[in-house]
Protein backbone atom coordinates (compact mmCIF):
# COMPACT_ATOMS: atom_id res chain seq x y z
CA MET A 1 118.83 36.58 119.39
CA ASN A 2 120.58 34.50 121.71
CA ALA A 3 118.49 30.63 123.24
CA LEU A 4 115.87 31.41 125.14
CA PRO A 5 115.51 30.35 129.13
CA SER A 6 114.22 26.92 129.87
CA ARG A 7 110.07 27.00 130.52
CA ARG A 8 111.48 25.81 133.99
CA LEU A 9 113.44 28.51 134.84
CA VAL A 10 110.67 31.32 133.63
CA ARG A 11 108.06 29.13 136.63
CA ARG A 12 110.80 29.95 138.91
CA ILE A 13 111.78 33.80 137.98
CA ALA A 14 107.56 34.69 137.31
CA PRO A 15 106.62 35.01 141.25
CA ALA A 16 108.93 36.24 142.46
CA PHE A 17 109.14 38.78 140.32
CA ARG A 18 105.62 40.29 140.41
CA ARG A 19 105.76 40.35 143.67
CA PHE A 20 108.64 42.87 143.01
CA LEU A 21 106.66 44.09 140.48
CA LEU A 22 103.83 44.87 143.58
CA ALA A 23 105.98 46.57 145.75
CA ALA A 24 107.54 48.82 142.69
CA LEU A 25 104.48 49.78 141.72
CA ALA A 26 103.70 50.73 145.34
CA TRP A 27 106.54 52.45 145.98
CA PRO A 28 105.74 56.34 144.80
CA GLY A 29 109.89 57.09 145.15
CA ILE A 30 109.91 55.24 141.45
CA ALA A 31 107.72 56.97 139.28
CA ALA A 32 109.96 60.05 140.34
CA ALA A 33 113.16 58.58 139.01
CA CYS A 34 112.00 56.92 135.64
CA ALA A 35 110.00 59.04 133.53
CA LEU A 36 110.23 59.34 130.08
CA PRO A 37 111.90 63.13 129.23
CA ALA A 38 108.98 65.42 127.10
CA PRO A 39 108.65 65.65 123.63
CA ASP A 40 110.00 68.76 122.14
CA GLY A 41 107.67 69.91 119.14
CA PRO A 42 104.73 72.41 120.38
CA HIS A 43 102.03 70.06 120.45
CA PRO A 44 100.47 69.22 123.65
CA VAL A 45 99.77 65.30 123.03
CA GLY A 46 97.54 62.75 123.60
CA PHE A 47 97.35 59.11 123.79
CA GLN A 48 94.73 56.54 123.79
CA ARG A 49 94.62 52.64 123.80
CA PHE A 50 92.67 50.05 121.04
CA GLU A 51 91.67 47.02 119.72
CA LEU A 52 91.81 46.34 115.94
CA THR A 53 90.41 42.23 114.26
CA ASP A 54 90.64 40.69 111.08
CA ASP A 55 87.98 38.25 110.79
CA ALA A 56 89.22 37.29 108.17
CA ARG A 57 92.45 35.80 109.64
CA ARG A 58 92.81 33.17 112.54
CA GLY A 59 94.48 30.91 114.13
CA LEU A 60 97.49 32.82 114.28
CA GLY A 61 99.96 33.46 117.14
CA GLY A 62 98.99 30.64 118.90
CA GLU A 63 95.67 31.06 119.45
CA ALA A 64 92.40 28.34 118.33
CA ALA A 65 91.94 28.49 114.76
CA ASP A 66 88.79 29.52 114.95
CA VAL A 67 90.11 32.57 116.98
CA PRO A 68 90.15 35.62 115.10
CA ARG A 69 93.95 38.17 114.79
CA THR A 70 93.61 40.86 116.88
CA LEU A 71 95.77 43.19 117.14
CA PRO A 72 96.36 45.71 120.57
CA ALA A 73 96.89 49.37 119.61
CA ALA A 74 97.55 52.63 120.39
CA VAL A 75 97.37 55.88 119.08
CA TRP A 76 99.37 59.57 119.85
CA TYR A 77 98.34 62.27 118.33
CA PRO A 78 98.37 66.07 118.44
CA ALA A 79 96.49 67.63 121.21
CA GLU A 80 94.50 69.91 122.57
CA ALA A 81 95.62 70.60 126.06
CA ALA A 82 98.50 69.28 128.35
CA GLY A 83 97.69 67.00 131.40
CA ALA A 84 99.57 65.73 133.80
CA GLY A 85 100.65 62.75 131.64
CA ARG A 86 100.03 59.12 133.05
CA ALA A 87 102.14 55.75 133.90
CA TYR A 88 104.37 54.42 130.54
CA LEU A 89 102.43 50.76 130.99
CA SER A 90 99.61 49.87 132.81
CA PRO A 91 99.46 48.00 136.01
CA ALA A 92 98.13 45.67 134.21
CA GLU A 93 100.27 45.39 131.38
CA ALA A 94 103.10 46.08 133.46
CA GLU A 95 102.05 42.61 135.15
CA VAL A 96 101.84 40.41 132.17
CA GLN A 97 104.64 42.40 129.81
CA LEU A 98 107.35 43.02 132.46
CA PRO A 99 107.90 39.60 133.09
CA ALA A 100 107.61 38.24 129.42
CA LEU A 101 109.86 41.03 128.49
CA ALA A 102 112.56 40.18 130.93
CA ARG A 103 111.99 36.14 129.99
CA ASN A 104 112.01 37.27 126.58
CA LEU A 105 115.42 39.30 126.66
CA ARG A 106 117.12 37.58 129.52
CA TYR A 107 117.18 40.96 131.31
CA ALA A 108 117.44 40.38 135.17
CA PRO A 109 113.30 40.46 136.11
CA GLU A 110 114.43 43.42 138.44
CA SER A 111 116.03 45.29 136.04
CA VAL A 112 112.93 45.97 133.89
CA ALA A 113 110.08 45.45 137.16
CA ALA A 114 110.99 48.47 137.92
CA LEU A 115 109.19 49.79 134.43
CA GLY A 116 105.94 49.63 136.14
CA GLY A 117 106.82 52.49 138.06
CA CYS A 118 107.74 54.71 135.16
CA ARG A 119 105.77 58.03 133.79
CA ALA A 120 105.04 58.86 129.96
CA PRO A 121 104.67 63.21 129.25
CA ASP A 122 101.75 62.33 126.90
CA THR A 123 97.90 62.11 128.30
CA GLU A 124 95.27 59.57 127.93
CA GLY A 125 92.63 60.76 126.51
CA ALA A 126 92.74 64.28 126.19
CA ALA A 127 91.16 65.78 122.86
CA PRO A 128 92.57 66.34 119.57
CA ALA A 129 93.73 69.03 119.13
CA GLN A 130 91.82 71.37 115.94
CA ALA A 131 94.00 71.93 112.78
CA ALA A 132 93.04 73.44 109.58
CA SER A 133 94.30 70.06 107.14
CA ARG A 134 94.97 66.84 108.70
CA PHE A 135 97.67 65.36 109.81
CA PRO A 136 100.05 62.80 108.47
CA LEU A 137 99.73 58.71 109.39
CA VAL A 138 102.48 57.01 110.83
CA VAL A 139 101.99 53.19 111.55
CA LEU A 140 104.35 51.97 113.71
CA SER A 141 105.55 48.14 115.06
CA HIS A 142 107.54 46.52 117.84
CA GLY A 143 110.91 44.36 118.01
CA PHE A 144 110.10 41.15 117.74
CA TYR A 145 109.77 39.38 121.17
CA SER A 146 109.75 43.40 122.33
CA TYR A 147 106.46 44.64 123.91
CA PRO A 148 103.90 47.58 122.03
CA LEU A 149 104.92 50.43 123.60
CA GLN A 150 108.44 50.25 123.82
CA ASN A 151 108.65 53.38 121.15
CA THR A 152 106.85 55.56 123.35
CA ALA A 153 108.92 57.96 123.57
CA LEU A 154 109.39 58.14 119.81
CA ALA A 155 105.87 58.38 119.15
CA GLY A 156 104.71 61.47 121.10
CA ALA A 157 108.03 63.16 119.67
CA LEU A 158 106.60 62.49 116.31
CA ALA A 159 103.28 63.10 117.72
CA SER A 160 103.83 66.90 118.72
CA HIS A 161 105.65 68.14 115.95
CA GLY A 162 102.27 67.19 114.38
CA TYR A 163 101.94 63.61 113.49
CA VAL A 164 99.39 61.02 114.27
CA VAL A 165 100.99 57.43 115.49
CA VAL A 166 99.99 54.61 115.73
CA ALA A 167 101.51 51.56 117.37
CA LEU A 168 100.36 47.76 116.60
CA GLY A 169 101.34 45.01 118.72
CA HIS A 170 101.96 41.39 117.45
CA PRO A 171 100.83 38.28 119.74
CA GLY A 172 101.98 35.43 119.45
CA ASP A 173 105.34 37.28 119.06
CA SER A 174 104.80 39.83 121.03
CA ALA A 175 106.10 39.45 124.81
CA ASP A 176 102.41 38.20 126.01
CA VAL A 177 99.83 40.62 126.25
CA ARG A 178 96.64 40.58 127.30
CA LEU A 179 93.76 41.19 125.58
CA ALA A 180 89.93 43.50 125.91
CA ASP A 181 88.12 40.59 126.53
CA GLY A 182 90.43 38.87 129.09
CA ARG A 183 92.80 36.20 126.62
CA LEU A 184 95.98 35.89 127.34
CA VAL A 185 98.03 35.69 124.01
CA PRO A 186 101.93 34.07 125.75
CA THR A 187 104.52 34.68 123.14
CA ASN A 188 105.10 31.46 121.26
CA MET A 189 108.47 29.44 122.11
CA ALA A 190 108.37 27.04 118.96
CA ALA A 191 112.05 26.16 118.24
CA GLU A 192 112.82 27.01 115.01
CA LYS A 193 113.93 24.64 112.21
CA PRO A 194 117.27 23.55 112.12
CA GLU A 195 117.73 23.82 108.10
CA PHE A 196 116.98 28.32 108.63
CA LEU A 197 119.37 27.53 111.86
CA ALA A 198 121.83 26.22 109.39
CA TRP A 199 121.58 28.41 106.79
CA ARG A 200 121.26 31.23 109.20
CA HIS A 201 124.31 30.60 110.94
CA ALA A 202 126.53 30.29 106.89
CA PHE A 203 125.14 33.24 106.44
CA HIS A 204 126.20 35.71 109.24
CA SER A 205 129.94 33.13 109.30
CA ALA A 206 130.63 33.73 105.83
CA SER A 207 133.10 36.05 104.87
CA ALA A 208 133.17 36.91 101.31
CA HIS A 209 130.55 38.43 99.04
CA ALA A 210 130.47 35.34 96.64
CA ALA A 211 129.73 32.93 99.18
CA ARG A 212 126.32 34.98 100.91
CA ALA A 213 124.77 35.54 97.51
CA ARG A 214 124.94 32.41 97.01
CA LEU A 215 123.23 31.93 99.84
CA ILE A 216 120.42 34.86 99.04
CA ASP A 217 120.06 32.75 96.75
CA GLY A 218 118.23 30.24 98.95
CA TYR A 219 117.40 32.11 101.11
CA GLY A 220 113.50 31.81 100.01
CA GLU A 221 114.07 27.71 100.56
CA ALA A 222 115.10 27.93 103.88
CA LEU A 223 112.17 30.42 105.03
CA ALA A 224 109.61 28.64 103.94
CA GLY A 225 107.78 26.10 106.48
CA SER A 226 111.17 28.11 109.03
CA ARG A 227 108.36 29.58 112.62
CA LEU A 228 110.38 33.07 111.42
CA GLY A 229 109.04 32.36 108.32
CA ALA A 230 105.18 32.37 109.28
CA SER A 231 106.21 35.71 111.19
CA VAL A 232 107.21 37.56 107.48
CA GLU A 233 104.07 36.79 106.98
CA VAL A 234 102.04 37.66 109.87
CA TRP A 235 103.14 41.10 110.85
CA ARG A 236 103.11 42.30 106.83
CA ASP A 237 99.46 41.22 106.50
CA ASP A 238 98.76 42.32 110.09
CA VAL A 239 100.27 45.82 108.85
CA LEU A 240 98.70 45.73 106.34
CA PHE A 241 95.22 45.14 107.70
CA ALA A 242 95.68 47.89 110.23
CA VAL A 243 96.31 49.89 107.77
CA ARG A 244 93.60 48.90 105.95
CA ALA A 245 91.47 49.55 108.85
CA LEU A 246 92.87 53.12 109.64
CA GLN A 247 91.94 53.89 106.01
CA ALA A 248 88.40 52.98 106.04
CA GLY A 249 87.73 54.42 110.10
CA ASP A 250 86.85 50.92 110.52
CA VAL A 251 88.30 51.48 114.14
CA PRO A 252 86.26 51.46 117.57
CA ALA A 253 84.31 54.06 118.53
CA PRO A 254 86.29 56.19 121.16
CA VAL A 255 89.67 56.42 119.31
CA ARG A 256 87.06 57.73 115.49
CA PRO A 257 88.38 61.68 116.80
CA VAL A 258 91.12 60.83 117.14
CA LEU A 259 91.50 58.75 113.77
CA ALA A 260 89.39 61.13 111.71
CA ALA A 261 92.35 63.70 111.95
CA ALA A 262 94.29 61.65 110.83
CA ASP A 263 95.82 61.69 106.94
CA ALA A 264 95.51 58.09 105.59
CA GLY A 265 96.94 59.01 101.97
CA ARG A 266 99.86 60.61 103.70
CA LEU A 267 100.75 57.37 105.03
CA ALA A 268 104.89 56.57 106.91
CA ILE A 269 105.70 53.18 107.78
CA ALA A 270 107.61 52.33 110.68
CA GLY A 271 109.29 49.32 112.48
CA MET A 272 112.24 49.05 115.19
CA SER A 273 114.00 45.21 115.04
CA PHE A 274 111.41 42.62 113.11
CA GLY A 275 109.07 45.35 113.07
CA GLY A 276 112.12 47.67 111.14
CA SER A 277 111.65 44.34 108.34
CA THR A 278 108.50 44.13 108.24
CA ALA A 279 107.96 48.24 107.69
CA ALA A 280 109.81 48.05 104.56
CA SER A 281 108.06 44.72 103.20
CA ALA A 282 104.69 46.18 104.21
CA CYS A 283 105.37 49.72 102.38
CA ARG A 284 106.17 48.16 99.10
CA ARG A 285 102.66 46.46 98.86
CA LEU A 286 100.76 49.83 100.20
CA PRO A 287 99.83 52.01 97.19
CA ALA A 288 99.25 54.79 99.83
CA CYS A 289 102.35 54.55 101.88
CA ARG A 290 105.26 57.07 101.22
CA ALA A 291 107.85 56.87 102.83
CA ALA A 292 109.81 54.15 105.68
CA ILE A 293 111.73 53.54 108.34
CA SER A 294 113.66 50.57 109.81
CA LEU A 295 115.18 50.89 113.48
CA ASP A 296 118.30 48.37 113.27
CA GLY A 297 115.52 46.48 111.59
CA LEU A 298 118.04 43.52 109.16
CA ASN A 299 116.65 42.62 106.19
CA PHE A 300 113.52 39.16 105.92
CA ASP A 301 111.53 39.59 103.05
CA PRO A 302 113.09 37.19 99.85
CA GLU A 303 111.60 39.94 97.66
CA LEU A 304 113.80 42.39 99.14
CA PHE A 305 117.20 41.27 98.40
CA ASP A 306 119.31 42.98 95.22
CA ALA A 307 115.92 44.90 95.05
CA ASP A 308 114.65 48.54 94.41
CA LEU A 309 112.22 49.24 96.79
CA GLN A 310 110.87 51.67 95.32
CA ARG A 311 110.09 53.61 98.69
CA PRO A 312 112.08 56.27 100.34
CA LEU A 313 113.14 54.26 103.19
CA LEU A 314 115.35 56.05 106.73
CA LEU A 315 117.42 52.55 108.12
CA MET A 316 119.66 53.50 111.17
CA LEU A 317 121.46 51.53 112.68
CA GLY A 318 123.51 50.12 115.54
CA ASP A 319 126.77 49.79 116.32
CA TRP A 320 127.59 47.51 114.35
CA VAL A 321 131.57 48.13 114.65
CA ARG A 322 131.86 48.05 117.95
CA PHE A 323 128.44 45.87 119.03
CA PRO A 324 127.37 43.28 116.34
CA MET A 325 123.81 42.47 116.53
CA TYR A 326 124.85 38.16 116.36
CA ASP A 327 127.56 36.80 116.81
CA GLY A 328 129.93 36.05 114.17
CA LEU A 329 128.32 39.10 111.82
CA PRO A 330 131.09 41.65 110.76
CA SER A 331 132.02 44.23 112.57
CA GLU A 332 133.61 46.81 109.91
CA ALA A 333 132.39 49.77 108.87
CA GLY A 334 132.40 49.34 104.65
CA PHE A 335 129.88 46.36 104.83
CA ASN A 336 126.71 45.67 106.84
CA PRO A 337 124.47 42.54 105.60
CA ASN A 338 121.79 45.13 104.96
CA ASP A 339 123.66 46.29 102.24
CA TYR A 340 122.33 43.27 100.69
CA ALA A 341 118.91 44.62 100.55
CA TYR A 342 116.27 47.80 99.17
CA GLU A 343 118.42 48.40 96.27
CA ARG A 344 119.15 45.84 93.43
CA TRP A 345 123.36 45.52 93.92
CA GLU A 346 125.69 47.02 91.60
CA ALA A 347 123.97 50.32 92.67
CA ALA A 348 123.42 49.80 96.19
CA GLY A 349 123.94 53.17 98.02
CA LEU A 350 122.68 55.49 94.72
CA SER A 351 119.74 56.30 95.65
CA PRO A 352 119.18 58.96 97.19
CA ASP A 353 116.01 57.62 98.79
CA VAL A 354 117.87 55.14 100.68
CA LEU A 355 119.26 56.97 103.46
CA ARG A 356 121.66 54.21 105.93
CA VAL A 357 123.11 55.85 108.90
CA ARG A 358 125.06 54.53 111.80
CA VAL A 359 124.22 55.94 115.79
CA PRO A 360 127.53 55.31 117.67
CA GLY A 361 127.81 53.51 120.54
CA THR A 362 124.72 51.89 120.21
CA ARG A 363 123.49 48.51 120.64
CA HIS A 364 120.67 47.30 119.27
CA MET A 365 117.83 47.85 121.99
CA SER A 366 119.03 51.52 122.38
CA PHE A 367 115.72 52.00 119.26
CA THR A 368 113.51 51.30 122.68
CA ASP A 369 112.76 53.83 125.89
CA LEU A 370 114.38 50.97 127.72
CA PRO A 371 117.79 52.58 128.01
CA LEU A 372 115.91 55.71 128.91
CA LEU A 373 113.87 53.70 131.96
CA MET A 374 115.83 51.09 132.90
CA ALA A 375 118.55 51.61 136.06
CA GLY A 376 121.26 49.09 137.72
CA GLU A 377 125.08 48.16 136.38
CA GLY A 378 126.08 46.42 133.97
CA LEU A 379 123.26 47.83 131.20
CA GLU A 380 126.81 48.86 128.16
CA ALA A 381 125.87 44.35 127.87
CA HIS A 382 122.03 46.07 126.67
CA PHE A 383 122.38 49.41 125.15
CA GLY A 384 126.15 50.30 124.56
CA ASP A 385 127.84 53.68 125.68
CA ALA A 386 125.82 55.71 123.97
CA ASP A 387 123.73 58.63 125.69
CA PRO A 388 120.70 57.66 126.02
CA PRO A 389 118.73 61.08 125.93
CA ALA A 390 121.12 62.40 123.25
CA VAL A 391 120.76 58.68 121.22
CA ALA A 392 116.65 58.88 121.51
CA GLY A 393 116.60 63.33 120.50
CA ALA A 394 119.12 62.20 116.86
CA ILE A 395 116.72 58.76 116.01
CA ALA A 396 113.63 61.05 116.83
CA ALA A 397 115.36 64.27 115.08
CA ALA A 398 116.15 62.02 112.25
CA SER A 399 112.95 60.48 111.57
CA ARG A 400 110.97 63.46 112.01
CA ALA A 401 113.02 65.09 109.04
CA PHE A 402 112.47 62.31 107.22
CA LEU A 403 109.18 62.09 107.66
CA ASP A 404 108.69 65.99 106.98
CA VAL A 405 110.32 65.75 103.05
CA HIS A 406 108.39 63.00 102.89
CA LEU A 407 105.38 63.41 104.07
CA LYS A 408 105.05 67.01 104.27
CA GLY A 409 107.00 68.62 101.68
CA ALA A 410 109.34 69.81 103.20
CA ASP A 411 112.61 70.74 102.61
CA PRO A 412 115.74 68.26 101.57
CA ALA A 413 117.92 70.20 103.45
CA ALA A 414 117.32 69.91 107.18
CA LEU A 415 117.20 65.74 106.58
CA PRO A 416 121.27 66.28 106.14
CA ARG A 417 121.32 69.05 108.61
CA ALA A 418 120.11 66.48 111.92
CA ILE A 419 121.49 63.49 110.76
CA GLU A 420 125.02 65.63 111.89
CA ALA A 421 123.10 67.25 114.84
CA GLY A 422 122.87 63.87 116.03
CA GLY A 423 125.79 62.94 115.43
CA LEU A 424 124.83 59.78 112.44
CA VAL A 425 127.10 58.12 110.36
CA ARG A 426 126.14 58.21 106.80
CA HIS A 427 127.24 54.66 105.30
CA ASP A 428 127.80 54.09 102.16
CA PRO A 429 127.48 50.17 100.85
CA ARG A 430 130.28 51.16 98.71
CA GLN A 431 131.63 47.98 98.99
CA THR A 432 129.08 45.46 98.62
CA ARG A 433 128.86 47.83 94.92
CA ALA A 434 132.58 46.99 93.64
CA TRP A 435 131.98 43.53 94.67
CA ALA A 436 128.49 43.19 92.11
CA ARG A 437 130.10 45.71 89.12
CA SER A 438 132.75 43.72 89.30
CA ARG A 439 131.25 40.13 89.01
CA SER A 440 129.30 41.98 86.45
CA GLY A 441 132.14 43.39 84.03
CA GLU A 442 131.29 46.91 84.79
CA GLN A 443 133.80 49.80 86.75
CA PRO A 444 133.40 50.34 90.69
């Protein structure tokens, strides 16, 4: 992520942004012009917000030492009947989160403020569908510095096909968020330690496998005590806590009927960007987790380099060939930095359970709702040049096919069909595999 704007600039932007946002919310025309596509499954989709509080962990995300960790959450689920839809963000969410999102991602404030008038096609508070069996559960995390509802389109699409999807917010590393008790948890913009920044620069600029491998050997040491290292542990523990609370039914009363319809024994963990890295790391530690999905997430878990994830993984990557995530990252089609993760290097690409695909024409933030909702000039610089509805449909279809195989026992042949139909490109890390085998004297 690029350097953050100065606090002085943030103070100048915020009042103007709030004025623009209030105008946007008061202008009826925006709602009609800005809406997510309707899900394509057989079920209407319900939606509810709630919170989970972990009394055992305190003083995280920049909060005071005695304050317990509270996670904002939302759930999408198969519903009995369709409704009229809802505001994409509540007015309170929009007022707090959208200016923070513009600040964090360095977007033009006016391009983000319009999201305050957007609509989502699910129905808040709808009764859950009555079914003969419970629905598989997907726990979903947003990207670093982003907002909890950033993958509403994907969550709704999955819910319409018979999944219960719970999205978690990770306060302190998300856009500013106001909790139900009125507490405002701002984005923690603490500077990263120089040693970790130096390691990251060296890794991204290295041009040979041997040099990168030597740097990976020192990754754990560089990560220890870093800003990012603290978040790696906090996000993973957020997900572990939330899953255990959902399994135990330890949730607020209003969402108990909804979550009672979820089968936590058929569980997948998913996420975008940092949330995708967290999904793989948490899934490996949860016996009930049957599969993980990472939407353009780099691996940040030291234990998952040159190691088998031991769970099925769908890794959907932005078009790094045309739009590398960071300056200096390689842009050759045969290599992606994630090739060093989730499998042993000498067998990278050989496990049928680890599926790596590239989504042509996309940049990193294409794996959110934003390209479906934002308007204005210069959006290619944020999202690439792929068609946003087509990309969203392809990501949802591939995700559902993958989950259907591993959580519902569906025909595995449906997954390659969904990948081909969506125009996604399979990636084989053969270059990394060949290098690792040559190093050990094996045949490639």
